[in-house]
Amino acid sequence: MVEKRMRCHYGGASAIEYLDMLAKLGVGNAHPGGFGETIEQLKKYPIEKGKRVLEVGCGTGRTACYLAEQGCEVTAIDIRPEMIAKANIRAEKQGIQVRFQVGDVCDLPFEDHSFDVVMVESVTNFAEAQKAVCEYYRVLKSGGKLYDREVIRVKNMSAGVHRALCSFYGVSKIYSMEEWRELLEKGKFSPVEFSGIHPFPLTMFEDQVQHPDPVHLSDKQSFMDPRIWQLTARYDELVSKYHPYMGYTLMIGSKE
C-alpha cells in the first residue's frame, strides 16, 4: 500500500528541493500563518471531541498531535516517509495516540465516508488540486467538513512573476479565491466559505518566535548544509519581492 500510494503529483525538481528543505529542518509549521493560525482556526471553528479527523500532508505531525490532545480521533498522512517517521517520534515524545501513515492526497487509502473532518494546511496546491479535492469529499461522511488553508493570488501577476513563484514551489498554478471556489464546488462541496484574506508572511520562520516547536525534529546535519540556507535565502528574496501578489485564506467546504 505504501509504495503504491507514494507518488502524488507534487510538481518538478523545485518542489522536491523545497519540500526536502522542510523535511530536513523538521519544520512543523511551514503553512501560511504557522501554528498560531492553526490554534486560532480551532478556536473559531472548534472540532468536537471524539470526531474522526483526517489531516492530509501532516508533515512532522504538530497539528495532528494538537488535534489528538483536544480529544479528536486523528489519522494523518504525508507522502514523505521521513516526515511520517518524525511525526511518530513527536507523538511518542508527547505521549499522544495518532495513526500516522504514508499516503497520497490524490488517492487517499481510506474507504468512502470515513471521516467527520478533513484538515489541510497548504497541501492541495502542491498536488493535483482537483483530484485532491474530490478525494477529500469522497472520504468525508455526510455532514462532514473540509478545512483547507491555502495560498491565494490576491492580484493579477505577470507571466514572469507567476512562473518564478510556481517554479520555486513546484506548483502548476497559484489560484485566486474564485478559482479555489470553483475547484471546491466542482468537487461537490456546498456551501463553500472563506475566512477572509490574510497577508502572506514575510519570512518562513516568522511564527517560531510566538509559537516555538517544543519537539526538535531537524536532521542534525541540516544546519551545516549550505544548500538549505541558499534555499531559505531564495525564499526570503522571492517573498520580499512578490508578497503583495499573494495572501492566504481558510476555505471551508461542507458535504451534504
Protein backbone atom coordinates (compact mmCIF):
# COMPACT_ATOMS: atom_id res chain seq x y z
CA MET A 1 0.00 0.00 0.00
CA VAL A 2 2.75 2.46 0.94
CA GLU A 3 4.76 2.09 -2.25
CA LYS A 4 1.68 2.21 -4.46
CA ARG A 5 0.49 5.47 -2.95
CA MET A 6 3.78 7.31 -2.67
CA ARG A 7 3.69 9.38 -5.82
CA CYS A 8 1.24 12.22 -5.59
CA HIS A 9 1.97 14.66 -8.40
CA TYR A 10 3.81 17.33 -6.43
CA GLY A 11 5.45 19.18 -9.32
CA GLY A 12 9.03 19.10 -10.52
CA ALA A 13 12.55 19.35 -9.17
CA SER A 14 11.97 22.71 -7.46
CA ALA A 15 9.17 21.21 -5.37
CA ILE A 16 11.44 18.35 -4.30
CA GLU A 17 14.10 20.85 -3.21
CA TYR A 18 11.62 22.99 -1.28
CA LEU A 19 9.93 20.02 0.39
CA ASP A 20 13.30 18.40 1.07
CA MET A 21 14.31 21.54 2.94
CA LEU A 22 11.19 21.40 5.13
CA ALA A 23 11.74 17.72 5.82
CA LYS A 24 15.41 18.13 6.75
CA LEU A 25 14.70 21.09 9.01
CA GLY A 26 11.74 19.28 10.54
CA VAL A 27 9.58 22.38 10.15
CA GLY A 28 6.27 21.76 11.93
CA ASN A 29 4.52 24.97 10.98
CA ALA A 30 5.51 25.87 7.40
CA HIS A 31 1.95 26.58 6.29
CA PRO A 32 0.80 30.21 5.92
CA GLY A 33 0.16 31.76 9.32
CA GLY A 34 2.05 28.97 11.06
CA PHE A 35 0.92 27.13 14.15
CA GLY A 36 -0.61 30.28 15.58
CA GLU A 37 -3.09 30.32 12.73
CA THR A 38 -3.93 26.67 13.42
CA ILE A 39 -4.73 27.50 17.04
CA GLU A 40 -6.89 30.46 16.05
CA GLN A 41 -8.74 28.38 13.47
CA LEU A 42 -9.61 25.71 16.04
CA LYS A 43 -10.85 28.38 18.44
CA LYS A 44 -13.11 29.86 15.78
CA TYR A 45 -14.14 26.53 14.28
CA PRO A 46 -13.81 24.01 17.12
CA ILE A 47 -13.95 20.30 16.39
CA GLU A 48 -15.93 18.24 18.89
CA LYS A 49 -14.15 15.62 20.98
CA GLY A 50 -14.42 12.14 19.54
CA LYS A 51 -14.75 13.30 15.93
CA ARG A 52 -12.77 11.35 13.36
CA VAL A 53 -10.28 13.74 11.76
CA LEU A 54 -8.01 13.15 8.77
CA GLU A 55 -5.08 15.51 8.35
CA VAL A 56 -3.51 15.31 4.89
CA GLY A 57 0.06 16.45 4.38
CA CYS A 58 0.71 16.28 8.11
CA GLY A 59 4.48 16.91 7.92
CA THR A 60 6.09 16.31 11.31
CA GLY A 61 2.70 15.91 12.95
CA ARG A 62 2.41 19.04 15.05
CA THR A 63 -1.19 19.82 14.09
CA ALA A 64 -2.23 16.16 14.22
CA CYS A 65 -0.86 15.79 17.75
CA TYR A 66 -2.54 19.02 18.83
CA LEU A 67 -5.89 17.76 17.48
CA ALA A 68 -5.43 14.50 19.36
CA GLU A 69 -4.71 16.46 22.56
CA GLN A 70 -8.07 18.16 22.08
CA GLY A 71 -9.80 14.78 22.11
CA CYS A 72 -10.14 14.04 18.39
CA GLU A 73 -9.55 10.60 16.88
CA VAL A 74 -6.82 11.53 14.41
CA THR A 75 -5.44 9.84 11.31
CA ALA A 76 -2.70 11.72 9.45
CA ILE A 77 -0.87 11.07 6.20
CA ASP A 78 2.09 12.51 4.36
CA ILE A 79 3.68 11.49 1.09
CA ARG A 80 7.19 11.61 2.56
CA PRO A 81 8.24 8.66 4.75
CA GLU A 82 10.81 10.78 6.59
CA MET A 83 8.04 13.16 7.69
CA ILE A 84 5.95 10.26 8.97
CA ALA A 85 8.96 8.93 10.87
CA LYS A 86 9.39 12.31 12.55
CA ALA A 87 5.67 12.56 13.26
CA ASN A 88 5.77 9.20 15.05
CA ILE A 89 8.72 10.43 17.13
CA ARG A 90 6.73 13.55 18.06
CA ALA A 91 3.68 11.52 19.10
CA GLU A 92 5.83 9.18 21.20
CA LYS A 93 7.60 12.07 22.93
CA GLN A 94 4.28 13.79 23.66
CA GLY A 95 2.56 10.57 24.72
CA ILE A 96 -0.19 11.01 22.14
CA GLN A 97 -2.06 8.48 20.01
CA VAL A 98 -2.25 9.36 16.31
CA ARG A 99 -2.44 6.96 13.38
CA PHE A 100 0.30 8.18 11.03
CA GLN A 101 0.89 6.61 7.64
CA VAL A 102 2.41 7.36 4.25
CA GLY A 103 -0.27 8.25 1.72
CA ASP A 104 -1.12 10.23 -1.40
CA VAL A 105 -3.68 13.03 -1.14
CA CYS A 106 -4.76 12.29 -4.72
CA ASP A 107 -5.50 8.64 -3.86
CA LEU A 108 -6.40 8.50 -0.19
CA PRO A 109 -6.04 4.99 1.27
CA PHE A 110 -9.39 5.10 3.07
CA GLU A 111 -12.95 3.96 2.48
CA ASP A 112 -15.71 6.35 1.44
CA HIS A 113 -17.46 8.23 4.27
CA SER A 114 -14.69 7.55 6.81
CA PHE A 115 -14.13 10.95 8.49
CA ASP A 116 -16.06 13.79 10.10
CA VAL A 117 -13.39 16.38 9.26
CA VAL A 118 -10.60 16.68 6.70
CA MET A 119 -7.89 19.14 7.77
CA VAL A 120 -5.47 20.57 5.21
CA GLU A 121 -2.72 23.16 5.68
CA SER A 122 -1.14 24.31 2.42
CA VAL A 123 -1.07 20.92 0.71
CA THR A 124 -3.70 20.95 -2.04
CA ASN A 125 -1.79 23.46 -4.16
CA PHE A 126 1.21 21.09 -4.21
CA ALA A 127 -0.91 18.22 -5.52
CA GLU A 128 -3.22 17.86 -8.50
CA ALA A 129 -5.72 20.14 -6.81
CA GLN A 130 -8.94 18.90 -8.40
CA LYS A 131 -8.10 15.25 -7.73
CA ALA A 132 -7.22 16.04 -4.13
CA VAL A 133 -10.45 17.98 -3.53
CA CYS A 134 -12.52 15.11 -4.93
CA GLU A 135 -10.69 12.71 -2.60
CA TYR A 136 -11.42 14.92 0.40
CA TYR A 137 -15.10 14.85 -0.49
CA ARG A 138 -15.11 11.08 -1.01
CA VAL A 139 -13.70 10.19 2.42
CA LEU A 140 -15.89 12.66 4.33
CA LYS A 141 -19.09 11.49 5.95
CA SER A 142 -22.37 13.18 5.07
CA GLY A 143 -22.41 16.45 7.01
CA GLY A 144 -18.62 16.45 7.20
CA LYS A 145 -16.37 19.49 6.89
CA LEU A 146 -13.23 20.33 4.95
CA TYR A 147 -10.90 22.98 6.40
CA ASP A 148 -8.19 23.86 3.90
CA ARG A 149 -5.80 26.80 4.33
CA GLU A 150 -4.07 27.70 1.07
CA VAL A 151 -2.10 30.44 -0.62
CA ILE A 152 -4.16 32.61 -2.96
CA ARG A 153 -3.37 35.09 -5.68
CA VAL A 154 -4.72 38.44 -4.50
CA LYS A 155 -3.98 40.47 -7.62
CA ASN A 156 -3.05 39.86 -11.21
CA MET A 157 0.57 38.98 -11.81
CA SER A 158 2.63 38.91 -14.97
CA ALA A 159 3.54 35.61 -16.59
CA GLY A 160 7.12 36.11 -15.38
CA VAL A 161 6.14 36.60 -11.74
CA HIS A 162 3.77 33.64 -11.87
CA ARG A 163 6.44 31.47 -13.46
CA ALA A 164 9.06 32.44 -10.85
CA LEU A 165 6.78 31.60 -7.93
CA CYS A 166 5.47 28.37 -9.44
CA SER A 167 8.99 27.26 -10.30
CA PHE A 168 10.25 27.79 -6.76
CA TYR A 169 7.36 25.99 -5.08
CA GLY A 170 6.98 23.38 -7.79
CA VAL A 171 3.28 24.06 -8.31
CA SER A 172 1.45 24.42 -11.60
CA LYS A 173 -0.65 27.43 -10.63
CA ILE A 174 -1.33 29.98 -7.91
CA TYR A 175 -5.11 30.16 -7.65
CA SER A 176 -7.31 33.17 -6.97
CA MET A 177 -10.06 32.89 -4.38
CA GLU A 178 -12.67 32.47 -7.10
CA GLU A 179 -10.61 29.74 -8.75
CA TRP A 180 -10.39 27.91 -5.44
CA ARG A 181 -14.16 28.27 -5.04
CA GLU A 182 -14.66 26.79 -8.48
CA LEU A 183 -12.39 23.84 -7.62
CA LEU A 184 -14.26 23.07 -4.40
CA GLU A 185 -17.69 23.44 -5.97
CA LYS A 186 -16.63 21.21 -8.86
CA GLY A 187 -15.60 18.71 -6.19
CA LYS A 188 -19.24 18.83 -4.93
CA PHE A 189 -18.65 20.86 -1.77
CA SER A 190 -21.61 23.07 -0.93
CA PRO A 191 -21.63 25.59 0.55
CA VAL A 192 -18.05 26.87 0.26
CA GLU A 193 -16.98 29.62 2.67
CA PHE A 194 -13.79 31.66 3.10
CA SER A 195 -12.39 33.17 6.29
CA GLY A 196 -11.16 36.36 4.61
CA ILE A 197 -7.81 37.21 3.06
CA HIS A 198 -4.66 37.38 5.18
CA PRO A 199 -1.30 38.87 4.13
CA PHE A 200 1.41 36.43 3.14
CA PRO A 201 4.10 36.06 5.88
CA LEU A 202 7.38 37.76 5.06
CA THR A 203 9.65 35.01 6.43
CA MET A 204 9.39 31.24 6.65
CA PHE A 205 10.13 31.20 10.38
CA GLU A 206 8.00 34.16 11.45
CA ASP A 207 5.74 32.02 13.63
CA GLN A 208 8.60 30.35 15.52
CA VAL A 209 9.01 33.29 17.90
CA GLN A 210 5.47 33.24 19.29
CA HIS A 211 4.86 29.52 18.86
CA PRO A 212 8.19 27.66 19.10
CA ASP A 213 8.02 23.95 18.44
CA PRO A 214 8.76 22.07 21.70
CA VAL A 215 9.81 18.91 19.81
CA HIS A 216 13.07 19.36 17.90
CA LEU A 217 12.92 17.16 14.78
CA SER A 218 15.51 18.58 12.40
CA ASP A 219 18.21 16.40 10.88
CA LYS A 220 21.46 17.10 12.73
CA GLN A 221 23.43 17.69 9.53
CA SER A 222 20.83 20.03 8.01
CA PHE A 223 22.18 23.14 9.71
CA MET A 224 25.57 22.50 8.12
CA ASP A 225 24.16 22.07 4.61
CA PRO A 226 24.76 25.26 2.57
CA ARG A 227 22.10 24.24 0.06
CA ILE A 228 19.41 24.59 2.68
CA TRP A 229 20.44 28.10 3.61
CA GLN A 230 20.72 29.05 -0.05
CA LEU A 231 17.15 27.87 -0.49
CA THR A 232 15.88 29.75 2.56
CA ALA A 233 17.63 32.89 1.27
CA ARG A 234 15.96 32.39 -2.11
CA TYR A 235 12.60 32.01 -0.35
CA ASP A 236 13.09 35.27 1.55
CA GLU A 237 14.14 37.01 -1.65
CA LEU A 238 11.07 35.84 -3.58
CA VAL A 239 8.63 36.62 -0.79
CA SER A 240 10.11 40.08 -0.21
CA LYS A 241 9.77 40.83 -3.90
CA TYR A 242 6.41 39.25 -4.66
CA HIS A 243 4.43 39.04 -1.41
CA PRO A 244 1.97 41.81 -2.50
CA TYR A 245 0.65 39.36 -5.08
CA MET A 246 -0.12 36.64 -2.53
CA GLY A 247 -2.18 36.06 0.55
CA TYR A 248 -3.83 33.09 2.16
CA THR A 249 -7.29 32.06 3.26
CA LEU A 250 -9.08 29.28 5.09
CA MET A 251 -11.56 27.51 2.83
CA ILE A 252 -14.43 25.65 4.47
CA GLY A 253 -16.34 23.13 2.40
CA SER A 254 -19.41 21.19 3.55
CA LYS A 255 -20.57 17.77 2.36
CA GLU A 256 -24.33 17.50 2.36
